[in-house]
């Protein structure tokens, strides 16, 4: 699938095994504008994605391949929830 086919459906695909892998790869190879659009779709659901068995890999990939703004925004979203995440499977 191409980036344009997934527009507006990033959250849905992030919690699916194959979709998560696709979005991870897409985020690695996307240009900065596409990364920002993907990030924009996912930022409102960061806490749920972080504890999802497939979504957490997407969040990890954003930390690895996102820009400073993406990483800072993720960090801000996750602050205050570290204990919850540490005891989550």
PDB file of N, CA and C in Angstrom:
ATOM      1  N   UNK A   1       0.839  -1.183   0.000  1.00  0.00           N
ATOM      2  CA  UNK A   1       0.000   0.000   0.000  1.00  0.00           C
ATOM      3  C   UNK A   1       0.885   1.247   0.000  1.00  0.00           C
ATOM      4  N   UNK A   2       0.361   2.263  -0.574  1.00  0.00           N
ATOM      5  CA  UNK A   2       1.050   3.538  -0.656  1.00  0.00           C
ATOM      6  C   UNK A   2       0.597   4.464   0.475  1.00  0.00           C
ATOM      7  N   UNK A   3       1.398   5.462   0.750  1.00  0.00           N
ATOM      8  CA  UNK A   3       1.094   6.440   1.792  1.00  0.00           C
ATOM      9  C   UNK A   3      -0.295   7.037   1.609  1.00  0.00           C
ATOM     10  N   UNK A   4      -0.614   7.449   0.404  1.00  0.00           N
ATOM     11  CA  UNK A   4      -1.911   8.099   0.154  1.00  0.00           C
ATOM     12  C   UNK A   4      -3.095   7.186   0.429  1.00  0.00           C
ATOM     13  N   UNK A   5      -2.907   5.883   0.311  1.00  0.00           N
ATOM     14  CA  UNK A   5      -3.983   4.934   0.574  1.00  0.00           C
ATOM     15  C   UNK A   5      -4.261   4.788   2.071  1.00  0.00           C
ATOM     16  N   UNK A   6      -3.274   5.109   2.897  1.00  0.00           N
ATOM     17  CA  UNK A   6      -3.418   4.965   4.348  1.00  0.00           C
ATOM     18  C   UNK A   6      -3.789   6.266   5.053  1.00  0.00           C
ATOM     19  N   UNK A   7      -3.737   7.365   4.319  1.00  0.00           N
ATOM     20  CA  UNK A   7      -4.084   8.657   4.910  1.00  0.00           C
ATOM     21  C   UNK A   7      -5.435   8.580   5.600  1.00  0.00           C
ATOM     22  N   UNK A   8      -5.476   9.030   6.854  1.00  0.00           N
ATOM     23  CA  UNK A   8      -6.712   9.016   7.616  1.00  0.00           C
ATOM     24  C   UNK A   8      -6.987   7.686   8.298  1.00  0.00           C
ATOM     25  N   UNK A   9      -6.113   6.700   8.112  1.00  0.00           N
ATOM     26  CA  UNK A   9      -6.332   5.374   8.679  1.00  0.00           C
ATOM     27  C   UNK A   9      -5.110   4.871   9.455  1.00  0.00           C
ATOM     28  N   UNK A  10      -4.218   5.763   9.822  1.00  0.00           N
ATOM     29  CA  UNK A  10      -2.976   5.373  10.487  1.00  0.00           C
ATOM     30  C   UNK A  10      -3.228   4.672  11.824  1.00  0.00           C
ATOM     31  N   UNK A  11      -4.150   5.186  12.619  1.00  0.00           N
ATOM     32  CA  UNK A  11      -4.453   4.556  13.911  1.00  0.00           C
ATOM     33  C   UNK A  11      -4.978   3.141  13.721  1.00  0.00           C
ATOM     34  N   UNK A  12      -5.901   3.005  12.789  1.00  0.00           N
ATOM     35  CA  UNK A  12      -6.494   1.691  12.497  1.00  0.00           C
ATOM     36  C   UNK A  12      -5.419   0.674  12.100  1.00  0.00           C
ATOM     37  N   UNK A  13      -4.502   1.076  11.249  1.00  0.00           N
ATOM     38  CA  UNK A  13      -3.460   0.164  10.790  1.00  0.00           C
ATOM     39  C   UNK A  13      -2.393  -0.072  11.847  1.00  0.00           C
ATOM     40  N   UNK A  14      -2.181   0.878  12.728  1.00  0.00           N
ATOM     41  CA  UNK A  14      -1.139   0.747  13.757  1.00  0.00           C
ATOM     42  C   UNK A  14      -1.417  -0.363  14.757  1.00  0.00           C
ATOM     43  N   UNK A  15      -2.675  -0.723  14.950  1.00  0.00           N
ATOM     44  CA  UNK A  15      -3.022  -1.753  15.940  1.00  0.00           C
ATOM     45  C   UNK A  15      -3.247  -3.121  15.291  1.00  0.00           C
ATOM     46  N   UNK A  16      -2.877  -3.243  14.048  1.00  0.00           N
ATOM     47  CA  UNK A  16      -2.952  -4.508  13.320  1.00  0.00           C
ATOM     48  C   UNK A  16      -1.521  -4.969  13.057  1.00  0.00           C
ATOM     49  N   UNK A  17      -1.254  -6.257  13.163  1.00  0.00           N
ATOM     50  CA  UNK A  17       0.115  -6.741  13.016  1.00  0.00           C
ATOM     51  C   UNK A  17       0.753  -6.324  11.690  1.00  0.00           C
ATOM     52  N   UNK A  18       0.112  -6.633  10.602  1.00  0.00           N
ATOM     53  CA  UNK A  18       0.655  -6.267   9.296  1.00  0.00           C
ATOM     54  C   UNK A  18       0.641  -4.772   9.065  1.00  0.00           C
ATOM     55  N   UNK A  19      -0.413  -4.125   9.517  1.00  0.00           N
ATOM     56  CA  UNK A  19      -0.518  -2.674   9.373  1.00  0.00           C
ATOM     57  C   UNK A  19       0.547  -1.949  10.163  1.00  0.00           C
ATOM     58  N   UNK A  20       0.836  -2.451  11.355  1.00  0.00           N
ATOM     59  CA  UNK A  20       1.879  -1.848  12.187  1.00  0.00           C
ATOM     60  C   UNK A  20       3.224  -1.916  11.479  1.00  0.00           C
ATOM     61  N   UNK A  21       3.526  -3.060  10.919  1.00  0.00           N
ATOM     62  CA  UNK A  21       4.799  -3.206  10.191  1.00  0.00           C
ATOM     63  C   UNK A  21       4.860  -2.266   9.001  1.00  0.00           C
ATOM     64  N   UNK A  22       3.742  -2.132   8.312  1.00  0.00           N
ATOM     65  CA  UNK A  22       3.673  -1.242   7.160  1.00  0.00           C
ATOM     66  C   UNK A  22       3.916   0.207   7.580  1.00  0.00           C
ATOM     67  N   UNK A  23       3.276   0.633   8.648  1.00  0.00           N
ATOM     68  CA  UNK A  23       3.430   2.022   9.099  1.00  0.00           C
ATOM     69  C   UNK A  23       4.852   2.256   9.625  1.00  0.00           C
ATOM     70  N   UNK A  24       5.409   1.271  10.312  1.00  0.00           N
ATOM     71  CA  UNK A  24       6.791   1.409  10.770  1.00  0.00           C
ATOM     72  C   UNK A  24       7.725   1.644   9.585  1.00  0.00           C
ATOM     73  N   UNK A  25       7.595   0.815   8.572  1.00  0.00           N
ATOM     74  CA  UNK A  25       8.437   0.954   7.380  1.00  0.00           C
ATOM     75  C   UNK A  25       8.173   2.288   6.685  1.00  0.00           C
ATOM     76  N   UNK A  26       6.897   2.631   6.591  1.00  0.00           N
ATOM     77  CA  UNK A  26       6.524   3.876   5.948  1.00  0.00           C
ATOM     78  C   UNK A  26       7.142   5.070   6.685  1.00  0.00           C
ATOM     79  N   UNK A  27       7.120   5.027   8.031  1.00  0.00           N
ATOM     80  CA  UNK A  27       7.672   6.146   8.791  1.00  0.00           C
ATOM     81  C   UNK A  27       9.184   6.237   8.601  1.00  0.00           C
ATOM     82  N   UNK A  28       9.843   5.113   8.492  1.00  0.00           N
ATOM     83  CA  UNK A  28      11.297   5.106   8.270  1.00  0.00           C
ATOM     84  C   UNK A  28      11.666   5.751   6.941  1.00  0.00           C
ATOM     85  N   UNK A  29      10.863   5.500   5.919  1.00  0.00           N
ATOM     86  CA  UNK A  29      11.227   5.919   4.563  1.00  0.00           C
ATOM     87  C   UNK A  29      10.509   7.175   4.077  1.00  0.00           C
ATOM     88  N   UNK A  30       9.567   7.675   4.840  1.00  0.00           N
ATOM     89  CA  UNK A  30       8.776   8.843   4.420  1.00  0.00           C
ATOM     90  C   UNK A  30       9.619  10.113   4.426  1.00  0.00           C
ATOM     91  N   UNK A  31       9.191  11.081   3.627  1.00  0.00           N
ATOM     92  CA  UNK A  31       9.834  12.395   3.704  1.00  0.00           C
ATOM     93  C   UNK A  31       9.305  13.115   4.946  1.00  0.00           C
ATOM     94  N   UNK A  32       9.895  14.252   5.280  1.00  0.00           N
ATOM     95  CA  UNK A  32       9.539  14.929   6.540  1.00  0.00           C
ATOM     96  C   UNK A  32       8.093  15.385   6.570  1.00  0.00           C
ATOM     97  N   UNK A  33       7.569  15.786   5.432  1.00  0.00           N
ATOM     98  CA  UNK A  33       6.166  16.204   5.387  1.00  0.00           C
ATOM     99  C   UNK A  33       5.245  15.018   5.676  1.00  0.00           C
ATOM    100  N   UNK A  34       5.523  13.878   5.080  1.00  0.00           N
ATOM    101  CA  UNK A  34       4.720  12.683   5.319  1.00  0.00           C
ATOM    102  C   UNK A  34       4.857  12.214   6.764  1.00  0.00           C
ATOM    103  N   UNK A  35       6.067  12.269   7.305  1.00  0.00           N
ATOM    104  CA  UNK A  35       6.265  11.880   8.711  1.00  0.00           C
ATOM    105  C   UNK A  35       5.419  12.753   9.626  1.00  0.00           C
ATOM    106  N   UNK A  36       5.394  14.039   9.342  1.00  0.00           N
ATOM    107  CA  UNK A  36       4.599  14.947  10.171  1.00  0.00           C
ATOM    108  C   UNK A  36       3.113  14.653  10.047  1.00  0.00           C
ATOM    109  N   UNK A  37       2.657  14.271   8.863  1.00  0.00           N
ATOM    110  CA  UNK A  37       1.250  13.932   8.682  1.00  0.00           C
ATOM    111  C   UNK A  37       0.904  12.626   9.401  1.00  0.00           C
ATOM    112  N   UNK A  38       1.777  11.627   9.298  1.00  0.00           N
ATOM    113  CA  UNK A  38       1.563  10.369  10.007  1.00  0.00           C
ATOM    114  C   UNK A  38       1.520  10.640  11.506  1.00  0.00           C
ATOM    115  N   UNK A  39       2.505  11.400  11.980  1.00  0.00           N
ATOM    116  CA  UNK A  39       2.583  11.747  13.394  1.00  0.00           C
ATOM    117  C   UNK A  39       1.323  12.475  13.846  1.00  0.00           C
ATOM    118  N   UNK A  40       0.851  13.405  13.036  1.00  0.00           N
ATOM    119  CA  UNK A  40      -0.348  14.163  13.355  1.00  0.00           C
ATOM    120  C   UNK A  40      -1.582  13.281  13.527  1.00  0.00           C
ATOM    121  N   UNK A  41      -1.649  12.220  12.751  1.00  0.00           N
ATOM    122  CA  UNK A  41      -2.776  11.290  12.879  1.00  0.00           C
ATOM    123  C   UNK A  41      -2.679  10.447  14.144  1.00  0.00           C
ATOM    124  N   UNK A  42      -1.471  10.185  14.599  1.00  0.00           N
ATOM    125  CA  UNK A  42      -1.271   9.260  15.715  1.00  0.00           C
ATOM    126  C   UNK A  42      -1.154   9.934  17.078  1.00  0.00           C
ATOM    127  N   UNK A  43      -0.792  11.184  17.122  1.00  0.00           N
ATOM    128  CA  UNK A  43      -0.467  11.836  18.394  1.00  0.00           C
ATOM    129  C   UNK A  43      -1.636  11.833  19.379  1.00  0.00           C
ATOM    130  N   UNK A  44      -2.843  11.885  18.904  1.00  0.00           N
ATOM    131  CA  UNK A  44      -3.996  11.897  19.798  1.00  0.00           C
ATOM    132  C   UNK A  44      -4.269  10.559  20.472  1.00  0.00           C
ATOM    133  N   UNK A  45      -3.580   9.522  20.028  1.00  0.00           N
ATOM    134  CA  UNK A  45      -3.823   8.184  20.560  1.00  0.00           C
ATOM    135  C   UNK A  45      -2.547   7.523  21.079  1.00  0.00           C
ATOM    136  N   UNK A  46      -1.564   8.334  21.424  1.00  0.00           N
ATOM    137  CA  UNK A  46      -0.257   7.823  21.843  1.00  0.00           C
ATOM    138  C   UNK A  46      -0.349   6.878  23.032  1.00  0.00           C
ATOM    139  N   UNK A  47      -1.120   7.227  24.041  1.00  0.00           N
ATOM    140  CA  UNK A  47      -1.187   6.378  25.237  1.00  0.00           C
ATOM    141  C   UNK A  47      -1.754   5.004  24.911  1.00  0.00           C
ATOM    142  N   UNK A  48      -2.799   4.955  24.107  1.00  0.00           N
ATOM    143  CA  UNK A  48      -3.375   3.665  23.710  1.00  0.00           C
ATOM    144  C   UNK A  48      -2.420   2.877  22.826  1.00  0.00           C
ATOM    145  N   UNK A  49      -1.754   3.549  21.915  1.00  0.00           N
ATOM    146  CA  UNK A  49      -0.813   2.858  21.038  1.00  0.00           C
ATOM    147  C   UNK A  49       0.381   2.321  21.818  1.00  0.00           C
ATOM    148  N   UNK A  50       0.793   3.043  22.842  1.00  0.00           N
ATOM    149  CA  UNK A  50       1.949   2.630  23.629  1.00  0.00           C
ATOM    150  C   UNK A  50       1.718   1.297  24.325  1.00  0.00           C
ATOM    151  N   UNK A  51       0.511   1.025  24.742  1.00  0.00           N
ATOM    152  CA  UNK A  51       0.220  -0.234  25.432  1.00  0.00           C
ATOM    153  C   UNK A  51      -0.381  -1.290  24.503  1.00  0.00           C
ATOM    154  N   UNK A  52      -0.528  -0.978  23.246  1.00  0.00           N
ATOM    155  CA  UNK A  52      -1.054  -1.939  22.283  1.00  0.00           C
ATOM    156  C   UNK A  52       0.079  -2.846  21.805  1.00  0.00           C
ATOM    157  N   UNK A  53      -0.219  -4.126  21.620  1.00  0.00           N
ATOM    158  CA  UNK A  53       0.818  -5.092  21.253  1.00  0.00           C
ATOM    159  C   UNK A  53       1.482  -4.799  19.908  1.00  0.00           C
ATOM    160  N   UNK A  54       0.813  -4.098  19.021  1.00  0.00           N
ATOM    161  CA  UNK A  54       1.413  -3.748  17.735  1.00  0.00           C
ATOM    162  C   UNK A  54       1.682  -2.246  17.636  1.00  0.00           C
ATOM    163  N   UNK A  55       0.817  -1.451  18.237  1.00  0.00           N
ATOM    164  CA  UNK A  55       0.965   0.003  18.182  1.00  0.00           C
ATOM    165  C   UNK A  55       2.229   0.499  18.851  1.00  0.00           C
ATOM    166  N   UNK A  56       2.699  -0.214  19.874  1.00  0.00           N
ATOM    167  CA  UNK A  56       3.905   0.245  20.577  1.00  0.00           C
ATOM    168  C   UNK A  56       5.119   0.255  19.662  1.00  0.00           C
ATOM    169  N   UNK A  57       5.140  -0.619  18.671  1.00  0.00           N
ATOM    170  CA  UNK A  57       6.262  -0.626  17.733  1.00  0.00           C
ATOM    171  C   UNK A  57       6.254   0.615  16.846  1.00  0.00           C
ATOM    172  N   UNK A  58       5.078   1.096  16.523  1.00  0.00           N
ATOM    173  CA  UNK A  58       4.964   2.329  15.745  1.00  0.00           C
ATOM    174  C   UNK A  58       5.505   3.499  16.558  1.00  0.00           C
ATOM    175  N   UNK A  59       5.144   3.556  17.846  1.00  0.00           N
ATOM    176  CA  UNK A  59       5.639   4.626  18.712  1.00  0.00           C
ATOM    177  C   UNK A  59       7.160   4.554  18.825  1.00  0.00           C
ATOM    178  N   UNK A  60       7.697   3.359  18.980  1.00  0.00           N
ATOM    179  CA  UNK A  60       9.150   3.196  19.036  1.00  0.00           C
ATOM    180  C   UNK A  60       9.812   3.715  17.769  1.00  0.00           C
ATOM    181  N   UNK A  61       9.212   3.415  16.616  1.00  0.00           N
ATOM    182  CA  UNK A  61       9.775   3.857  15.342  1.00  0.00           C
ATOM    183  C   UNK A  61       9.760   5.375  15.229  1.00  0.00           C
ATOM    184  N   UNK A  62       8.734   6.014  15.774  1.00  0.00           N
ATOM    185  CA  UNK A  62       8.701   7.480  15.753  1.00  0.00           C
ATOM    186  C   UNK A  62       9.845   8.025  16.597  1.00  0.00           C
ATOM    187  N   UNK A  63      10.115   7.410  17.746  1.00  0.00           N
ATOM    188  CA  UNK A  63      11.256   7.836  18.559  1.00  0.00           C
ATOM    189  C   UNK A  63      12.574   7.656  17.802  1.00  0.00           C
ATOM    190  N   UNK A  64      12.674   6.614  17.010  1.00  0.00           N
ATOM    191  CA  UNK A  64      13.911   6.344  16.277  1.00  0.00           C
ATOM    192  C   UNK A  64      14.090   7.237  15.055  1.00  0.00           C
ATOM    193  N   UNK A  65      13.002   7.525  14.352  1.00  0.00           N
ATOM    194  CA  UNK A  65      13.113   8.205  13.056  1.00  0.00           C
ATOM    195  C   UNK A  65      12.396   9.542  12.975  1.00  0.00           C
ATOM    196  N   UNK A  66      11.798   9.981  14.073  1.00  0.00           N
ATOM    197  CA  UNK A  66      11.110  11.270  14.071  1.00  0.00           C
ATOM    198  C   UNK A  66      12.083  12.422  14.282  1.00  0.00           C
ATOM    199  N   UNK A  67      11.604  13.625  14.114  1.00  0.00           N
ATOM    200  CA  UNK A  67      12.452  14.789  14.377  1.00  0.00           C
ATOM    201  C   UNK A  67      12.371  15.161  15.862  1.00  0.00           C
ATOM    202  N   UNK A  68      13.100  16.177  16.260  1.00  0.00           N
ATOM    203  CA  UNK A  68      13.129  16.582  17.675  1.00  0.00           C
ATOM    204  C   UNK A  68      11.738  16.949  18.187  1.00  0.00           C
ATOM    205  N   UNK A  69      10.967  17.595  17.365  1.00  0.00           N
ATOM    206  CA  UNK A  69       9.614  17.997  17.762  1.00  0.00           C
ATOM    207  C   UNK A  69       8.734  16.777  18.016  1.00  0.00           C
ATOM    208  N   UNK A  70       8.819  15.787  17.148  1.00  0.00           N
ATOM    209  CA  UNK A  70       8.048  14.555  17.338  1.00  0.00           C
ATOM    210  C   UNK A  70       8.439  13.896  18.660  1.00  0.00           C
ATOM    211  N   UNK A  71       9.728  13.773  18.888  1.00  0.00           N
ATOM    212  CA  UNK A  71      10.223  13.106  20.091  1.00  0.00           C
ATOM    213  C   UNK A  71       9.816  13.860  21.351  1.00  0.00           C
ATOM    214  N   UNK A  72       9.892  15.170  21.305  1.00  0.00           N
ATOM    215  CA  UNK A  72       9.521  15.980  22.461  1.00  0.00           C
ATOM    216  C   UNK A  72       8.022  15.861  22.754  1.00  0.00           C
ATOM    217  N   UNK A  73       7.216  15.922  21.715  1.00  0.00           N
ATOM    218  CA  UNK A  73       5.769  15.799  21.889  1.00  0.00           C
ATOM    219  C   UNK A  73       5.410  14.427  22.449  1.00  0.00           C
ATOM    220  N   UNK A  74       6.037  13.370  21.929  1.00  0.00           N
ATOM    221  CA  UNK A  74       5.806  12.027  22.474  1.00  0.00           C
ATOM    222  C   UNK A  74       6.192  11.967  23.946  1.00  0.00           C
ATOM    223  N   UNK A  75       7.346  12.493  24.262  1.00  0.00           N
ATOM    224  CA  UNK A  75       7.824  12.493  25.644  1.00  0.00           C
ATOM    225  C   UNK A  75       6.839  13.213  26.546  1.00  0.00           C
ATOM    226  N   UNK A  76       6.357  14.363  26.108  1.00  0.00           N
ATOM    227  CA  UNK A  76       5.384  15.119  26.899  1.00  0.00           C
ATOM    228  C   UNK A  76       4.104  14.307  27.118  1.00  0.00           C
ATOM    229  N   UNK A  77       3.666  13.598  26.092  1.00  0.00           N
ATOM    230  CA  UNK A  77       2.453  12.779  26.201  1.00  0.00           C
ATOM    231  C   UNK A  77       2.644  11.623  27.182  1.00  0.00           C
ATOM    232  N   UNK A  78       3.836  11.053  27.197  1.00  0.00           N
ATOM    233  CA  UNK A  78       4.104   9.872  28.017  1.00  0.00           C
ATOM    234  C   UNK A  78       4.440  10.197  29.469  1.00  0.00           C
ATOM    235  N   UNK A  79       4.875  11.422  29.717  1.00  0.00           N
ATOM    236  CA  UNK A  79       5.222  11.829  31.081  1.00  0.00           C
ATOM    237  C   UNK A  79       4.006  11.622  31.989  1.00  0.00           C
ATOM    238  N   UNK A  80       4.257  11.122  33.173  1.00  0.00           N
ATOM    239  CA  UNK A  80       3.187  10.889  34.121  1.00  0.00           C
ATOM    240  C   UNK A  80       2.541   9.518  33.976  1.00  0.00           C
ATOM    241  N   UNK A  81       2.957   8.777  32.960  1.00  0.00           N
ATOM    242  CA  UNK A  81       2.383   7.458  32.722  1.00  0.00           C
ATOM    243  C   UNK A  81       3.444   6.360  32.756  1.00  0.00           C
ATOM    244  N   UNK A  82       4.655   6.717  33.114  1.00  0.00           N
ATOM    245  CA  UNK A  82       5.774   5.776  33.061  1.00  0.00           C
ATOM    246  C   UNK A  82       5.524   4.554  33.945  1.00  0.00           C
ATOM    247  N   UNK A  83       5.026   4.764  35.148  1.00  0.00           N
ATOM    248  CA  UNK A  83       4.761   3.620  36.024  1.00  0.00           C
ATOM    249  C   UNK A  83       3.734   2.690  35.388  1.00  0.00           C
ATOM    250  N   UNK A  84       2.686   3.248  34.854  1.00  0.00           N
ATOM    251  CA  UNK A  84       1.649   2.454  34.186  1.00  0.00           C
ATOM    252  C   UNK A  84       2.264   1.601  33.066  1.00  0.00           C
ATOM    253  N   UNK A  85       3.150   2.199  32.277  1.00  0.00           N
ATOM    254  CA  UNK A  85       3.773   1.483  31.173  1.00  0.00           C
ATOM    255  C   UNK A  85       4.751   0.418  31.687  1.00  0.00           C
ATOM    256  N   UNK A  86       5.413   0.714  32.772  1.00  0.00           N
ATOM    257  CA  UNK A  86       6.430  -0.215  33.272  1.00  0.00           C
ATOM    258  C   UNK A  86       5.826  -1.513  33.799  1.00  0.00           C
ATOM    259  N   UNK A  87       4.587  -1.489  34.221  1.00  0.00           N
ATOM    260  CA  UNK A  87       3.950  -2.703  34.711  1.00  0.00           C
ATOM    261  C   UNK A  87       3.031  -3.340  33.670  1.00  0.00           C
ATOM    262  N   UNK A  88       2.973  -2.730  32.500  1.00  0.00           N
ATOM    263  CA  UNK A  88       2.144  -3.262  31.427  1.00  0.00           C
ATOM    264  C   UNK A  88       2.937  -4.281  30.631  1.00  0.00           C
ATOM    265  N   UNK A  89       2.286  -5.324  30.222  1.00  0.00           N
ATOM    266  CA  UNK A  89       2.958  -6.368  29.466  1.00  0.00           C
ATOM    267  C   UNK A  89       3.523  -5.816  28.176  1.00  0.00           C
TER     268      UNK A  89
END
